Amino acid sequence: FSAYDFWQYFRNTEDADVGRFLKIF
Protein backbone atom coordinates (compact mmCIF):
# COMPACT_ATOMS: atom_id res chain seq x y z
CA PHE A 1 0.00 0.00 0.00
CA SER A 2 2.01 2.94 -1.31
CA ALA A 3 2.81 6.08 0.68
CA TYR A 4 0.66 8.02 -1.78
CA ASP A 5 -2.33 5.69 -1.22
CA PHE A 6 -1.77 5.96 2.53
CA TRP A 7 -1.76 9.76 2.29
CA GLN A 8 -4.94 9.70 0.22
CA TYR A 9 -6.63 7.38 2.70
CA PHE A 10 -6.24 9.94 5.48
CA ARG A 11 -6.97 12.87 3.18
CA ASN A 12 -10.40 11.32 2.63
CA THR A 13 -11.18 11.24 6.38
CA GLU A 14 -14.72 12.24 7.30
CA ASP A 15 -14.97 15.77 8.73
CA ALA A 16 -16.19 14.52 12.11
CA ASP A 17 -13.16 12.22 12.50
CA VAL A 18 -10.37 14.73 11.85
CA GLY A 19 -9.75 15.73 15.47
CA ARG A 20 -9.92 12.15 16.75
CA PHE A 21 -7.58 10.79 14.08
CA LEU A 22 -5.08 13.61 14.62
CA LYS A 23 -4.85 12.54 18.28
CA ILE A 24 -4.45 8.86 17.47
CA PHE A 25 -2.33 8.78 14.32
PDB file of all heavy atoms in Angstrom:
ATOM      1  N   PHE A   1       0.886  -1.172   0.000  1.00  0.00           N
ATOM      2  CA  PHE A   1       0.000   0.000   0.000  1.00  0.00           C
ATOM      3  C   PHE A   1       0.920   1.217   0.000  1.00  0.00           C
ATOM      4  O   PHE A   1       1.560   1.506   0.997  1.00  0.00           O
ATOM      5  CB  PHE A   1      -0.901  -0.018   1.248  1.00  0.00           C
ATOM      6  CG  PHE A   1      -2.143   0.820   1.141  1.00  0.00           C
ATOM      7  CD1 PHE A   1      -3.249   0.351   0.449  1.00  0.00           C
ATOM      8  CD2 PHE A   1      -2.207   2.074   1.727  1.00  0.00           C
ATOM      9  CE1 PHE A   1      -4.403   1.123   0.355  1.00  0.00           C
ATOM     10  CE2 PHE A   1      -3.355   2.847   1.647  1.00  0.00           C
ATOM     11  CZ  PHE A   1      -4.460   2.375   0.957  1.00  0.00           C
ATOM     12  N   SER A   2       0.996   1.904  -1.121  1.00  0.00           N
ATOM     13  CA  SER A   2       2.007   2.943  -1.305  1.00  0.00           C
ATOM     14  C   SER A   2       1.815   4.119  -0.343  1.00  0.00           C
ATOM     15  O   SER A   2       0.723   4.332   0.205  1.00  0.00           O
ATOM     16  CB  SER A   2       1.966   3.471  -2.742  1.00  0.00           C
ATOM     17  OG  SER A   2       0.797   4.263  -2.952  1.00  0.00           O
ATOM     18  N   ALA A   3       2.883   4.883  -0.165  1.00  0.00           N
ATOM     19  CA  ALA A   3       2.809   6.078   0.683  1.00  0.00           C
ATOM     20  C   ALA A   3       1.771   7.050   0.144  1.00  0.00           C
ATOM     21  O   ALA A   3       1.057   7.709   0.917  1.00  0.00           O
ATOM     22  CB  ALA A   3       4.179   6.746   0.761  1.00  0.00           C
ATOM     23  N   TYR A   4       1.660   7.130  -1.177  1.00  0.00           N
ATOM     24  CA  TYR A   4       0.658   8.019  -1.776  1.00  0.00           C
ATOM     25  C   TYR A   4      -0.755   7.536  -1.446  1.00  0.00           C
ATOM     26  O   TYR A   4      -1.628   8.329  -1.064  1.00  0.00           O
ATOM     27  CB  TYR A   4       0.843   8.081  -3.297  1.00  0.00           C
ATOM     28  CG  TYR A   4      -0.222   8.905  -3.998  1.00  0.00           C
ATOM     29  CD1 TYR A   4      -0.124  10.289  -4.039  1.00  0.00           C
ATOM     30  CD2 TYR A   4      -1.322   8.296  -4.589  1.00  0.00           C
ATOM     31  CE1 TYR A   4      -1.106  11.047  -4.661  1.00  0.00           C
ATOM     32  CE2 TYR A   4      -2.307   9.047  -5.219  1.00  0.00           C
ATOM     33  CZ  TYR A   4      -2.191  10.419  -5.244  1.00  0.00           C
ATOM     34  OH  TYR A   4      -3.168  11.166  -5.845  1.00  0.00           O
ATOM     35  N   ASP A   5      -1.013   6.240  -1.563  1.00  0.00           N
ATOM     36  CA  ASP A   5      -2.331   5.695  -1.224  1.00  0.00           C
ATOM     37  C   ASP A   5      -2.634   5.913   0.263  1.00  0.00           C
ATOM     38  O   ASP A   5      -3.772   6.203   0.641  1.00  0.00           O
ATOM     39  CB  ASP A   5      -2.400   4.199  -1.547  1.00  0.00           C
ATOM     40  CG  ASP A   5      -2.526   3.934  -3.039  1.00  0.00           C
ATOM     41  OD1 ASP A   5      -3.038   4.812  -3.754  1.00  0.00           O
ATOM     42  OD2 ASP A   5      -2.092   2.858  -3.491  1.00  0.00           O
ATOM     43  N   PHE A   6      -1.606   5.757   1.095  1.00  0.00           N
ATOM     44  CA  PHE A   6      -1.770   5.964   2.533  1.00  0.00           C
ATOM     45  C   PHE A   6      -2.141   7.421   2.806  1.00  0.00           C
ATOM     46  O   PHE A   6      -3.049   7.705   3.602  1.00  0.00           O
ATOM     47  CB  PHE A   6      -0.467   5.590   3.247  1.00  0.00           C
ATOM     48  CG  PHE A   6      -0.598   5.401   4.733  1.00  0.00           C
ATOM     49  CD1 PHE A   6      -0.993   4.181   5.259  1.00  0.00           C
ATOM     50  CD2 PHE A   6      -0.319   6.435   5.611  1.00  0.00           C
ATOM     51  CE1 PHE A   6      -1.127   3.995   6.633  1.00  0.00           C
ATOM     52  CE2 PHE A   6      -0.435   6.271   6.985  1.00  0.00           C
ATOM     53  CZ  PHE A   6      -0.839   5.045   7.496  1.00  0.00           C
ATOM     54  N   TRP A   7      -1.454   8.333   2.148  1.00  0.00           N
ATOM     55  CA  TRP A   7      -1.758   9.758   2.290  1.00  0.00           C
ATOM     56  C   TRP A   7      -3.192  10.027   1.863  1.00  0.00           C
ATOM     57  O   TRP A   7      -3.940  10.720   2.557  1.00  0.00           O
ATOM     58  CB  TRP A   7      -0.778  10.580   1.440  1.00  0.00           C
ATOM     59  CG  TRP A   7      -0.791  12.061   1.701  1.00  0.00           C
ATOM     60  CD1 TRP A   7       0.044  12.749   2.533  1.00  0.00           C
ATOM     61  CD2 TRP A   7      -1.673  13.033   1.122  1.00  0.00           C
ATOM     62  NE1 TRP A   7      -0.271  14.091   2.523  1.00  0.00           N
ATOM     63  CE2 TRP A   7      -1.321  14.294   1.664  1.00  0.00           C
ATOM     64  CE3 TRP A   7      -2.731  12.969   0.215  1.00  0.00           C
ATOM     65  CZ2 TRP A   7      -1.981  15.479   1.318  1.00  0.00           C
ATOM     66  CZ3 TRP A   7      -3.399  14.143  -0.127  1.00  0.00           C
ATOM     67  CH2 TRP A   7      -3.024  15.372   0.411  1.00  0.00           C
ATOM     68  N   GLN A   8      -3.584   9.496   0.724  1.00  0.00           N
ATOM     69  CA  GLN A   8      -4.945   9.702   0.215  1.00  0.00           C
ATOM     70  C   GLN A   8      -6.003   9.133   1.161  1.00  0.00           C
ATOM     71  O   GLN A   8      -7.077   9.713   1.326  1.00  0.00           O
ATOM     72  CB  GLN A   8      -5.099   9.057  -1.164  1.00  0.00           C
ATOM     73  CG  GLN A   8      -4.615   9.913  -2.309  1.00  0.00           C
ATOM     74  CD  GLN A   8      -5.421  11.190  -2.430  1.00  0.00           C
ATOM     75  OE1 GLN A   8      -6.632  11.210  -2.241  1.00  0.00           O
ATOM     76  NE2 GLN A   8      -4.741  12.282  -2.731  1.00  0.00           N
ATOM     77  N   TYR A   9      -5.683   7.998   1.771  1.00  0.00           N
ATOM     78  CA  TYR A   9      -6.629   7.381   2.699  1.00  0.00           C
ATOM     79  C   TYR A   9      -6.983   8.353   3.823  1.00  0.00           C
ATOM     80  O   TYR A   9      -8.156   8.529   4.168  1.00  0.00           O
ATOM     81  CB  TYR A   9      -6.041   6.090   3.262  1.00  0.00           C
ATOM     82  CG  TYR A   9      -6.937   5.403   4.270  1.00  0.00           C
ATOM     83  CD1 TYR A   9      -8.018   4.635   3.845  1.00  0.00           C
ATOM     84  CD2 TYR A   9      -6.722   5.549   5.627  1.00  0.00           C
ATOM     85  CE1 TYR A   9      -8.860   4.023   4.762  1.00  0.00           C
ATOM     86  CE2 TYR A   9      -7.552   4.939   6.549  1.00  0.00           C
ATOM     87  CZ  TYR A   9      -8.620   4.184   6.114  1.00  0.00           C
ATOM     88  OH  TYR A   9      -9.459   3.583   7.037  1.00  0.00           O
ATOM     89  N   PHE A  10      -5.979   8.990   4.393  1.00  0.00           N
ATOM     90  CA  PHE A  10      -6.244   9.937   5.485  1.00  0.00           C
ATOM     91  C   PHE A  10      -6.781  11.267   4.967  1.00  0.00           C
ATOM     92  O   PHE A  10      -7.546  11.939   5.675  1.00  0.00           O
ATOM     93  CB  PHE A  10      -4.978  10.144   6.323  1.00  0.00           C
ATOM     94  CG  PHE A  10      -4.770   9.055   7.339  1.00  0.00           C
ATOM     95  CD1 PHE A  10      -3.911   7.998   7.077  1.00  0.00           C
ATOM     96  CD2 PHE A  10      -5.449   9.061   8.540  1.00  0.00           C
ATOM     97  CE1 PHE A  10      -3.737   6.976   8.006  1.00  0.00           C
ATOM     98  CE2 PHE A  10      -5.286   8.051   9.472  1.00  0.00           C
ATOM     99  CZ  PHE A  10      -4.423   7.004   9.206  1.00  0.00           C
ATOM    100  N   ARG A  11      -6.405  11.644   3.764  1.00  0.00           N
ATOM    101  CA  ARG A  11      -6.971  12.875   3.177  1.00  0.00           C
ATOM    102  C   ARG A  11      -8.481  12.756   3.013  1.00  0.00           C
ATOM    103  O   ARG A  11      -9.215  13.751   3.096  1.00  0.00           O
ATOM    104  CB  ARG A  11      -6.303  13.144   1.820  1.00  0.00           C
ATOM    105  CG  ARG A  11      -6.934  14.258   0.987  1.00  0.00           C
ATOM    106  CD  ARG A  11      -6.858  15.589   1.692  1.00  0.00           C
ATOM    107  NE  ARG A  11      -7.474  16.655   0.903  1.00  0.00           N
ATOM    108  CZ  ARG A  11      -8.763  16.944   0.892  1.00  0.00           C
ATOM    109  NH1 ARG A  11      -9.605  16.219   1.642  1.00  0.00           N
ATOM    110  NH2 ARG A  11      -9.233  17.927   0.156  1.00  0.00           N
ATOM    111  N   ASN A  12      -8.967  11.545   2.827  1.00  0.00           N
ATOM    112  CA  ASN A  12     -10.403  11.323   2.630  1.00  0.00           C
ATOM    113  C   ASN A  12     -11.155  11.080   3.941  1.00  0.00           C
ATOM    114  O   ASN A  12     -12.290  10.617   3.933  1.00  0.00           O
ATOM    115  CB  ASN A  12     -10.624  10.133   1.686  1.00  0.00           C
ATOM    116  CG  ASN A  12     -10.125  10.429   0.286  1.00  0.00           C
ATOM    117  OD1 ASN A  12     -10.119  11.573  -0.156  1.00  0.00           O
ATOM    118  ND2 ASN A  12      -9.688   9.398  -0.426  1.00  0.00           N
ATOM    119  N   THR A  13     -10.538  11.396   5.069  1.00  0.00           N
ATOM    120  CA  THR A  13     -11.177  11.240   6.375  1.00  0.00           C
ATOM    121  C   THR A  13     -12.469  12.059   6.448  1.00  0.00           C
ATOM    122  O   THR A  13     -12.544  13.175   5.931  1.00  0.00           O
ATOM    123  CB  THR A  13     -10.219  11.715   7.495  1.00  0.00           C
ATOM    124  OG1 THR A  13      -9.073  10.857   7.505  1.00  0.00           O
ATOM    125  CG2 THR A  13     -10.884  11.681   8.860  1.00  0.00           C
ATOM    126  N   GLU A  14     -13.487  11.491   7.093  1.00  0.00           N
ATOM    127  CA  GLU A  14     -14.724  12.235   7.301  1.00  0.00           C
ATOM    128  C   GLU A  14     -14.467  13.439   8.204  1.00  0.00           C
ATOM    129  O   GLU A  14     -13.635  13.380   9.113  1.00  0.00           O
ATOM    130  CB  GLU A  14     -15.782  11.325   7.947  1.00  0.00           C
ATOM    131  CG  GLU A  14     -16.192  10.143   7.073  1.00  0.00           C
ATOM    132  CD  GLU A  14     -17.151   9.199   7.794  1.00  0.00           C
ATOM    133  OE1 GLU A  14     -17.846   9.660   8.715  1.00  0.00           O
ATOM    134  OE2 GLU A  14     -17.186   8.009   7.430  1.00  0.00           O
ATOM    135  N   ASP A  15     -15.185  14.530   7.965  1.00  0.00           N
ATOM    136  CA  ASP A  15     -14.967  15.769   8.728  1.00  0.00           C
ATOM    137  C   ASP A  15     -15.008  15.528  10.232  1.00  0.00           C
ATOM    138  O   ASP A  15     -14.176  16.042  10.986  1.00  0.00           O
ATOM    139  CB  ASP A  15     -16.031  16.815   8.369  1.00  0.00           C
ATOM    140  CG  ASP A  15     -15.888  17.331   6.941  1.00  0.00           C
ATOM    141  OD1 ASP A  15     -14.971  16.864   6.234  1.00  0.00           O
ATOM    142  OD2 ASP A  15     -16.689  18.203   6.540  1.00  0.00           O
ATOM    143  N   ALA A  16     -15.989  14.735  10.667  1.00  0.00           N
ATOM    144  CA  ALA A  16     -16.191  14.525  12.106  1.00  0.00           C
ATOM    145  C   ALA A  16     -15.067  13.724  12.757  1.00  0.00           C
ATOM    146  O   ALA A  16     -14.950  13.708  13.982  1.00  0.00           O
ATOM    147  CB  ALA A  16     -17.530  13.824  12.344  1.00  0.00           C
ATOM    148  N   ASP A  17     -14.216  13.069  11.951  1.00  0.00           N
ATOM    149  CA  ASP A  17     -13.158  12.219  12.502  1.00  0.00           C
ATOM    150  C   ASP A  17     -11.795  12.894  12.548  1.00  0.00           C
ATOM    151  O   ASP A  17     -10.845  12.325  13.085  1.00  0.00           O
ATOM    152  CB  ASP A  17     -13.029  10.930  11.668  1.00  0.00           C
ATOM    153  CG  ASP A  17     -14.217  10.010  11.844  1.00  0.00           C
ATOM    154  OD1 ASP A  17     -14.772   9.972  12.950  1.00  0.00           O
ATOM    155  OD2 ASP A  17     -14.595   9.342  10.860  1.00  0.00           O
ATOM    156  N   VAL A  18     -11.679  14.097  11.995  1.00  0.00           N
ATOM    157  CA  VAL A  18     -10.365  14.728  11.847  1.00  0.00           C
ATOM    158  C   VAL A  18      -9.667  14.905  13.191  1.00  0.00           C
ATOM    159  O   VAL A  18      -8.511  14.513  13.378  1.00  0.00           O
ATOM    160  CB  VAL A  18     -10.477  16.071  11.110  1.00  0.00           C
ATOM    161  CG1 VAL A  18      -9.145  16.820  11.147  1.00  0.00           C
ATOM    162  CG2 VAL A  18     -10.907  15.846   9.666  1.00  0.00           C
ATOM    163  N   GLY A  19     -10.355  15.498  14.165  1.00  0.00           N
ATOM    164  CA  GLY A  19      -9.745  15.731  15.475  1.00  0.00           C
ATOM    165  C   GLY A  19      -9.331  14.438  16.150  1.00  0.00           C
ATOM    166  O   GLY A  19      -8.220  14.328  16.707  1.00  0.00           O
ATOM    167  N   ARG A  20     -10.204  13.439  16.107  1.00  0.00           N
ATOM    168  CA  ARG A  20      -9.923  12.154  16.753  1.00  0.00           C
ATOM    169  C   ARG A  20      -8.724  11.460  16.103  1.00  0.00           C
ATOM    170  O   ARG A  20      -7.849  10.924  16.789  1.00  0.00           O
ATOM    171  CB  ARG A  20     -11.169  11.275  16.669  1.00  0.00           C
ATOM    172  CG  ARG A  20     -11.108   9.977  17.448  1.00  0.00           C
ATOM    173  CD  ARG A  20     -12.502   9.412  17.667  1.00  0.00           C
ATOM    174  NE  ARG A  20     -13.197   9.186  16.413  1.00  0.00           N
ATOM    175  CZ  ARG A  20     -13.410   7.977  15.879  1.00  0.00           C
ATOM    176  NH1 ARG A  20     -12.987   6.904  16.510  1.00  0.00           N
ATOM    177  NH2 ARG A  20     -14.067   7.838  14.753  1.00  0.00           N
ATOM    178  N   PHE A  21      -8.669  11.467  14.788  1.00  0.00           N
ATOM    179  CA  PHE A  21      -7.580  10.792  14.083  1.00  0.00           C
ATOM    180  C   PHE A  21      -6.257  11.540  14.245  1.00  0.00           C
ATOM    181  O   PHE A  21      -5.190  10.926  14.245  1.00  0.00           O
ATOM    182  CB  PHE A  21      -7.918  10.618  12.603  1.00  0.00           C
ATOM    183  CG  PHE A  21      -8.987   9.579  12.343  1.00  0.00           C
ATOM    184  CD1 PHE A  21      -9.589   8.898  13.393  1.00  0.00           C
ATOM    185  CD2 PHE A  21      -9.392   9.285  11.046  1.00  0.00           C
ATOM    186  CE1 PHE A  21     -10.581   7.941  13.160  1.00  0.00           C
ATOM    187  CE2 PHE A  21     -10.367   8.332  10.800  1.00  0.00           C
ATOM    188  CZ  PHE A  21     -10.962   7.662  11.850  1.00  0.00           C
ATOM    189  N   LEU A  22      -6.296  12.860  14.354  1.00  0.00           N
ATOM    190  CA  LEU A  22      -5.077  13.614  14.624  1.00  0.00           C
ATOM    191  C   LEU A  22      -4.474  13.199  15.970  1.00  0.00           C
ATOM    192  O   LEU A  22      -3.258  13.074  16.112  1.00  0.00           O
ATOM    193  CB  LEU A  22      -5.368  15.116  14.627  1.00  0.00           C
ATOM    194  CG  LEU A  22      -5.474  15.794  13.254  1.00  0.00           C
ATOM    195  CD1 LEU A  22      -6.114  17.172  13.391  1.00  0.00           C
ATOM    196  CD2 LEU A  22      -4.108  15.915  12.581  1.00  0.00           C
ATOM    197  N   LYS A  23      -5.330  12.972  16.960  1.00  0.00           N
ATOM    198  CA  LYS A  23      -4.849  12.543  18.277  1.00  0.00           C
ATOM    199  C   LYS A  23      -4.237  11.150  18.224  1.00  0.00           C
ATOM    200  O   LYS A  23      -3.209  10.886  18.849  1.00  0.00           O
ATOM    201  CB  LYS A  23      -6.004  12.546  19.287  1.00  0.00           C
ATOM    202  CG  LYS A  23      -6.495  13.913  19.702  1.00  0.00           C
ATOM    203  CD  LYS A  23      -7.621  13.773  20.719  1.00  0.00           C
ATOM    204  CE  LYS A  23      -8.152  15.122  21.165  1.00  0.00           C
ATOM    205  NZ  LYS A  23      -9.266  14.961  22.144  1.00  0.00           N
ATOM    206  N   ILE A  24      -4.869  10.254  17.474  1.00  0.00           N
ATOM    207  CA  ILE A  24      -4.446   8.856  17.467  1.00  0.00           C
ATOM    208  C   ILE A  24      -3.255   8.609  16.548  1.00  0.00           C
ATOM    209  O   ILE A  24      -2.295   7.924  16.928  1.00  0.00           O
ATOM    210  CB  ILE A  24      -5.631   7.949  17.055  1.00  0.00           C
ATOM    211  CG1 ILE A  24      -6.723   7.991  18.125  1.00  0.00           C
ATOM    212  CG2 ILE A  24      -5.163   6.508  16.824  1.00  0.00           C
ATOM    213  CD1 ILE A  24      -8.007   7.285  17.723  1.00  0.00           C
ATOM    214  N   PHE A  25      -3.293   9.178  15.350  1.00  0.00           N
ATOM    215  CA  PHE A  25      -2.328   8.784  14.322  1.00  0.00           C
ATOM    216  C   PHE A  25      -1.176   9.759  14.098  1.00  0.00           C
ATOM    217  O   PHE A  25      -0.301   9.485  13.271  1.00  0.00           O
ATOM    218  CB  PHE A  25      -3.056   8.550  12.993  1.00  0.00           C
ATOM    219  CG  PHE A  25      -3.996   7.378  13.020  1.00  0.00           C
ATOM    220  CD1 PHE A  25      -5.369   7.573  13.040  1.00  0.00           C
ATOM    221  CD2 PHE A  25      -3.513   6.087  13.043  1.00  0.00           C
ATOM    222  CE1 PHE A  25      -6.246   6.494  13.077  1.00  0.00           C
ATOM    223  CE2 PHE A  25      -4.375   4.999  13.077  1.00  0.00           C
ATOM    224  CZ  PHE A  25      -5.745   5.203  13.094  1.00  0.00           C
TER     225      PHE A  25
END
